């Protein structure tokens, strides 16, 4: 099983590891593409702070992120699993996993990134600010830029197993599984169920969507589940206490969508 995660906009501070070594990151087929994005981002943030803020969509309060980006090549690093923070990662709680679950996380989790393309949680990277929706002056839309490099390496990384795609739309645009791989891919939508005047009402949740997805991944890692495909994933989640609905897609070569229905957030 390969689990695709979005990054978090907020990043940890207080990194203390060695400086970035692109050659040490997982998925070495992405190295040249990473180099190009890194060069562009560092140049942008070193040359014109106001332009960099505009391109990156940073508020006045995040002005310091421009200087952080300008120093990325020499900045200290942290394992990616410690760099990313926020609702999903709080619920996933990598630091609280036992040794066996942690080892599964290191093999199964892949975090998408506008800067790195995709990294494993053990990859040492510096904190940065560059979302997948950014359009860099020399490279254009990062969502579009990453499609070809990721398409060249991710099918091999996925192997023959399930792909659990929990990415947001901005990062989903960077790579879409196709063909038989798409048929082994499942996305998850979180719905909240409420009883209103005796009638069930369901709504899509946003903030707590991330928390639920983090808890789902944590539960799978702790249980050691190895679902072979989307149908087996649905059964595994039901066994872990989740209410899951979903049917095979009407067309071949497309992912499954599973609805996880919750009553409490």
Protein backbone atom coordinates (compact mmCIF):
# COMPACT_ATOMS: atom_id res chain seq x y z
CA UNK A 1 0.00 0.00 0.00
CA UNK A 2 1.18 3.48 -0.89
CA UNK A 3 -0.50 6.42 0.89
CA UNK A 4 -0.39 9.82 -0.84
CA UNK A 5 -0.61 12.77 1.56
CA UNK A 6 -0.76 16.52 1.07
CA UNK A 7 1.84 18.63 2.86
CA UNK A 8 0.89 21.29 5.38
CA UNK A 9 1.16 25.01 4.70
CA UNK A 10 2.65 25.50 8.15
CA UNK A 11 6.07 23.97 8.76
CA UNK A 12 8.05 23.18 11.87
CA UNK A 13 10.79 25.50 13.07
CA UNK A 14 13.99 24.72 14.91
CA UNK A 15 15.58 22.39 12.37
CA UNK A 16 19.03 21.17 13.39
CA UNK A 17 20.10 18.56 10.82
CA UNK A 18 22.71 18.91 8.09
CA UNK A 19 22.17 21.14 5.06
CA UNK A 20 20.03 19.92 2.18
CA UNK A 21 21.45 17.19 -0.06
CA UNK A 22 19.09 16.63 -2.96
CA UNK A 23 20.92 13.44 -3.87
CA UNK A 24 20.02 11.93 -0.50
CA UNK A 25 16.25 12.19 -1.02
CA UNK A 26 14.00 9.30 -1.99
CA UNK A 27 12.77 8.96 -5.58
CA UNK A 28 16.08 9.98 -7.17
CA UNK A 29 14.40 10.23 -10.56
CA UNK A 30 13.03 13.58 -9.33
CA UNK A 31 16.43 15.09 -8.52
CA UNK A 32 16.84 17.24 -11.63
CA UNK A 33 13.27 18.52 -11.40
CA UNK A 34 13.78 19.35 -7.72
CA UNK A 35 16.98 21.19 -8.59
CA UNK A 36 15.15 23.35 -11.12
CA UNK A 37 12.36 24.32 -8.70
CA UNK A 38 14.84 24.97 -5.89
CA UNK A 39 16.98 27.20 -8.12
CA UNK A 40 13.94 29.19 -9.24
CA UNK A 41 12.54 29.58 -5.73
CA UNK A 42 15.85 30.63 -4.15
CA UNK A 43 16.53 33.13 -6.94
CA UNK A 44 13.03 34.62 -6.64
CA UNK A 45 13.27 35.01 -2.87
CA UNK A 46 16.82 36.37 -2.96
CA UNK A 47 16.11 39.05 -5.56
CA UNK A 48 12.85 40.80 -4.71
CA UNK A 49 11.01 40.26 -1.44
CA UNK A 50 7.79 41.95 -2.53
CA UNK A 51 7.58 40.04 -5.80
CA UNK A 52 8.33 36.80 -3.94
CA UNK A 53 5.53 37.50 -1.47
CA UNK A 54 3.13 38.12 -4.32
CA UNK A 55 4.11 34.99 -6.25
CA UNK A 56 3.97 32.78 -3.17
CA UNK A 57 0.73 34.30 -1.88
CA UNK A 58 2.21 35.28 1.49
CA UNK A 59 0.62 37.80 3.82
CA UNK A 60 2.55 40.58 5.50
CA UNK A 61 2.77 38.44 8.61
CA UNK A 62 4.58 35.72 6.65
CA UNK A 63 7.21 38.06 5.20
CA UNK A 64 9.93 36.13 7.03
CA UNK A 65 9.19 33.05 4.90
CA UNK A 66 10.81 34.79 1.93
CA UNK A 67 14.16 35.01 3.71
CA UNK A 68 13.79 31.40 4.82
CA UNK A 69 13.30 30.31 1.20
CA UNK A 70 16.30 32.35 0.07
CA UNK A 71 18.52 30.34 2.45
CA UNK A 72 17.19 26.88 1.61
CA UNK A 73 20.46 25.53 0.21
CA UNK A 74 22.34 26.02 3.49
CA UNK A 75 19.45 25.79 5.96
CA UNK A 76 19.38 22.91 8.48
CA UNK A 77 17.01 20.04 7.79
CA UNK A 78 14.54 17.80 9.58
CA UNK A 79 12.96 14.52 8.47
CA UNK A 80 9.96 15.44 6.34
CA UNK A 81 7.66 13.72 8.82
CA UNK A 82 8.70 16.34 11.38
CA UNK A 83 8.66 19.31 8.99
CA UNK A 84 4.97 19.01 8.15
CA UNK A 85 2.55 20.08 10.87
CA UNK A 86 -1.15 20.88 10.97
CA UNK A 87 -4.44 19.06 11.47
CA UNK A 88 -3.76 15.91 9.43
CA UNK A 89 -0.27 15.42 10.87
CA UNK A 90 -1.43 16.10 14.42
CA UNK A 91 -4.03 13.35 14.03
CA UNK A 92 -1.53 11.02 12.37
CA UNK A 93 0.90 11.57 15.27
CA UNK A 94 3.94 9.92 13.72
CA UNK A 95 5.99 10.46 16.87
CA UNK A 96 3.50 8.43 18.89
CA UNK A 97 3.57 5.32 16.69
CA UNK A 98 5.20 2.15 17.96
CA UNK A 99 8.29 0.84 16.17
CA UNK A 100 6.40 -1.52 13.84
CA UNK A 101 3.84 1.10 12.81
CA UNK A 102 6.60 3.66 12.33
CA UNK A 103 8.45 1.30 10.01
CA UNK A 104 5.28 0.85 7.98
CA UNK A 105 4.88 4.63 7.80
CA UNK A 106 8.40 5.02 6.46
CA UNK A 107 7.65 2.55 3.66
CA UNK A 108 4.10 3.53 2.81
CA UNK A 109 3.69 7.29 3.20
CA UNK A 110 4.52 9.73 0.42
CA UNK A 111 4.05 13.47 1.00
CA UNK A 112 3.50 15.67 -2.04
CA UNK A 113 5.18 19.06 -2.25
CA UNK A 114 5.31 22.01 -4.61
CA UNK A 115 9.07 22.18 -4.03
CA UNK A 116 10.18 18.55 -3.79
CA UNK A 117 7.53 16.81 -5.89
CA UNK A 118 7.08 14.01 -3.36
CA UNK A 119 9.14 12.83 -0.39
CA UNK A 120 9.08 10.06 2.17
CA UNK A 121 8.78 10.97 5.83
CA UNK A 122 12.43 10.10 6.46
CA UNK A 123 13.79 12.46 3.79
CA UNK A 124 15.76 15.34 5.35
CA UNK A 125 14.45 18.67 4.04
CA UNK A 126 14.51 22.23 5.39
CA UNK A 127 11.27 23.99 6.31
CA UNK A 128 10.07 26.06 3.33
CA UNK A 129 7.06 27.84 1.89
CA UNK A 130 5.99 26.96 -1.65
CA UNK A 131 2.54 25.46 -2.22
CA UNK A 132 1.52 23.27 -5.11
CA UNK A 133 -0.67 26.08 -6.43
CA UNK A 134 2.24 28.48 -6.96
CA UNK A 135 3.16 29.70 -10.45
CA UNK A 136 6.91 30.42 -10.53
CA UNK A 137 8.05 32.99 -13.13
CA UNK A 138 10.44 30.67 -14.96
CA UNK A 139 8.62 27.35 -14.58
CA UNK A 140 4.93 28.26 -14.57
CA UNK A 141 2.34 26.31 -12.61
CA UNK A 142 3.99 23.79 -10.28
CA UNK A 143 0.92 21.59 -10.51
CA UNK A 144 1.56 21.25 -14.22
CA UNK A 145 5.36 21.25 -13.97
CA UNK A 146 5.46 18.15 -11.77
CA UNK A 147 3.17 15.98 -13.89
CA UNK A 148 5.82 14.55 -16.20
CA UNK A 149 8.57 13.92 -13.60
CA UNK A 150 6.13 12.29 -11.17
CA UNK A 151 4.53 10.18 -13.90
CA UNK A 152 7.97 8.79 -14.64
CA UNK A 153 8.71 7.58 -11.10
CA UNK A 154 5.50 7.02 -9.14
CA UNK A 155 4.12 3.95 -10.92
CA UNK A 156 7.26 2.06 -9.88
CA UNK A 157 6.97 3.40 -6.33
CA UNK A 158 3.34 2.24 -6.19
CA UNK A 159 4.21 -1.28 -7.33
CA UNK A 160 1.30 -3.70 -7.60
CA UNK A 161 -0.55 -2.68 -4.46
CA UNK A 162 -3.25 -0.29 -3.35
CA UNK A 163 -2.78 3.48 -3.70
CA UNK A 164 -4.69 5.40 -1.02
CA UNK A 165 -4.90 8.96 -2.32
CA UNK A 166 -5.65 11.48 0.44
CA UNK A 167 -4.29 14.56 -1.34
CA UNK A 168 -6.10 17.86 -1.71
CA UNK A 169 -6.99 19.04 -5.21
CA UNK A 170 -3.90 21.24 -5.66
CA UNK A 171 -1.61 18.28 -5.06
CA UNK A 172 -3.86 15.81 -6.83
CA UNK A 173 -3.23 17.83 -10.01
CA UNK A 174 0.48 17.03 -9.83
CA UNK A 175 -0.03 13.33 -10.64
CA UNK A 176 -3.04 11.23 -11.52
CA UNK A 177 -2.80 7.42 -11.61
CA UNK A 178 -3.94 5.97 -14.92
CA UNK A 179 -4.96 2.59 -16.33
CA UNK A 180 -4.69 -0.43 -14.07
CA UNK A 181 -2.97 1.63 -11.39
CA UNK A 182 -5.99 3.95 -11.23
CA UNK A 183 -8.21 0.91 -10.68
CA UNK A 184 -6.10 0.08 -7.59
CA UNK A 185 -6.45 3.64 -6.31
CA UNK A 186 -8.97 4.87 -3.74
CA UNK A 187 -9.79 8.43 -2.72
CA UNK A 188 -11.63 9.21 0.49
CA UNK A 189 -14.38 11.75 1.12
CA UNK A 190 -15.39 12.44 4.71
CA UNK A 191 -19.08 13.10 5.34
CA UNK A 192 -20.70 14.15 8.60
CA UNK A 193 -24.09 12.61 9.33
CA UNK A 194 -26.61 14.50 11.46
CA UNK A 195 -30.23 13.79 12.28
CA UNK A 196 -32.34 16.91 11.67
CA UNK A 197 -36.06 16.68 12.42
CA UNK A 198 -35.82 12.92 12.25
CA UNK A 199 -34.11 12.93 8.84
CA UNK A 200 -30.46 12.14 8.19
CA UNK A 201 -28.52 15.03 6.65
CA UNK A 202 -25.01 14.58 5.33
CA UNK A 203 -22.46 17.29 4.62
CA UNK A 204 -18.87 17.39 3.45
CA UNK A 205 -16.53 18.54 6.20
CA UNK A 206 -13.41 20.59 5.54
CA UNK A 207 -11.19 21.22 8.57
CA UNK A 208 -12.07 17.93 10.22
CA UNK A 209 -11.75 16.11 6.91
CA UNK A 210 -8.00 16.39 7.44
CA UNK A 211 -8.19 15.13 11.01
CA UNK A 212 -10.29 12.12 10.01
CA UNK A 213 -7.87 11.24 7.22
CA UNK A 214 -4.96 11.45 9.65
CA UNK A 215 -6.76 9.14 12.08
CA UNK A 216 -7.56 6.69 9.27
CA UNK A 217 -3.91 6.43 8.24
CA UNK A 218 -2.82 6.04 11.85
CA UNK A 219 -5.34 3.25 12.44
CA UNK A 220 -4.20 1.37 9.32
CA UNK A 221 -0.54 1.68 10.28
CA UNK A 222 -1.12 0.51 13.85
CA UNK A 223 -3.25 -2.43 12.75
CA UNK A 224 -0.72 -3.54 10.14
CA UNK A 225 -3.43 -3.75 7.49
CA UNK A 226 -2.28 -4.61 3.95
CA UNK A 227 -5.37 -4.17 1.74
CA UNK A 228 -4.70 -5.30 -1.83
CA UNK A 229 -7.20 -2.93 -3.43
CA UNK A 230 -10.02 -0.45 -2.76
CA UNK A 231 -12.62 -3.10 -1.88
CA UNK A 232 -10.25 -4.66 0.66
CA UNK A 233 -9.48 -1.19 2.03
CA UNK A 234 -13.18 -0.56 2.63
CA UNK A 235 -13.45 -3.85 4.53
CA UNK A 236 -10.33 -3.08 6.56
CA UNK A 237 -11.70 0.32 7.57
CA UNK A 238 -15.03 -1.21 8.56
CA UNK A 239 -13.10 -3.66 10.71
CA UNK A 240 -11.44 -0.68 12.39
CA UNK A 241 -14.82 0.79 13.26
CA UNK A 242 -15.45 3.19 10.38
CA UNK A 243 -18.66 3.47 8.39
CA UNK A 244 -17.56 3.22 4.76
CA UNK A 245 -19.63 3.37 1.59
CA UNK A 246 -18.46 2.95 -1.97
CA UNK A 247 -18.88 0.95 -5.15
CA UNK A 248 -16.59 0.14 -8.07
CA UNK A 249 -16.43 3.05 -10.55
CA UNK A 250 -18.65 2.85 -13.62
CA UNK A 251 -15.70 3.23 -15.99
CA UNK A 252 -12.51 1.22 -16.05
CA UNK A 253 -9.20 2.99 -15.51
CA UNK A 254 -10.60 5.32 -12.84
CA UNK A 255 -10.11 5.41 -9.06
CA UNK A 256 -12.66 4.33 -6.50
CA UNK A 257 -14.18 6.95 -4.21
CA UNK A 258 -14.92 5.78 -0.70
CA UNK A 259 -17.16 7.82 1.60
CA UNK A 260 -16.30 7.66 5.28
CA UNK A 261 -19.35 8.72 7.27
CA UNK A 262 -18.82 10.13 10.75
CA UNK A 263 -21.26 11.42 13.36
CA UNK A 264 -18.67 13.14 15.58
CA UNK A 265 -15.76 15.29 14.46
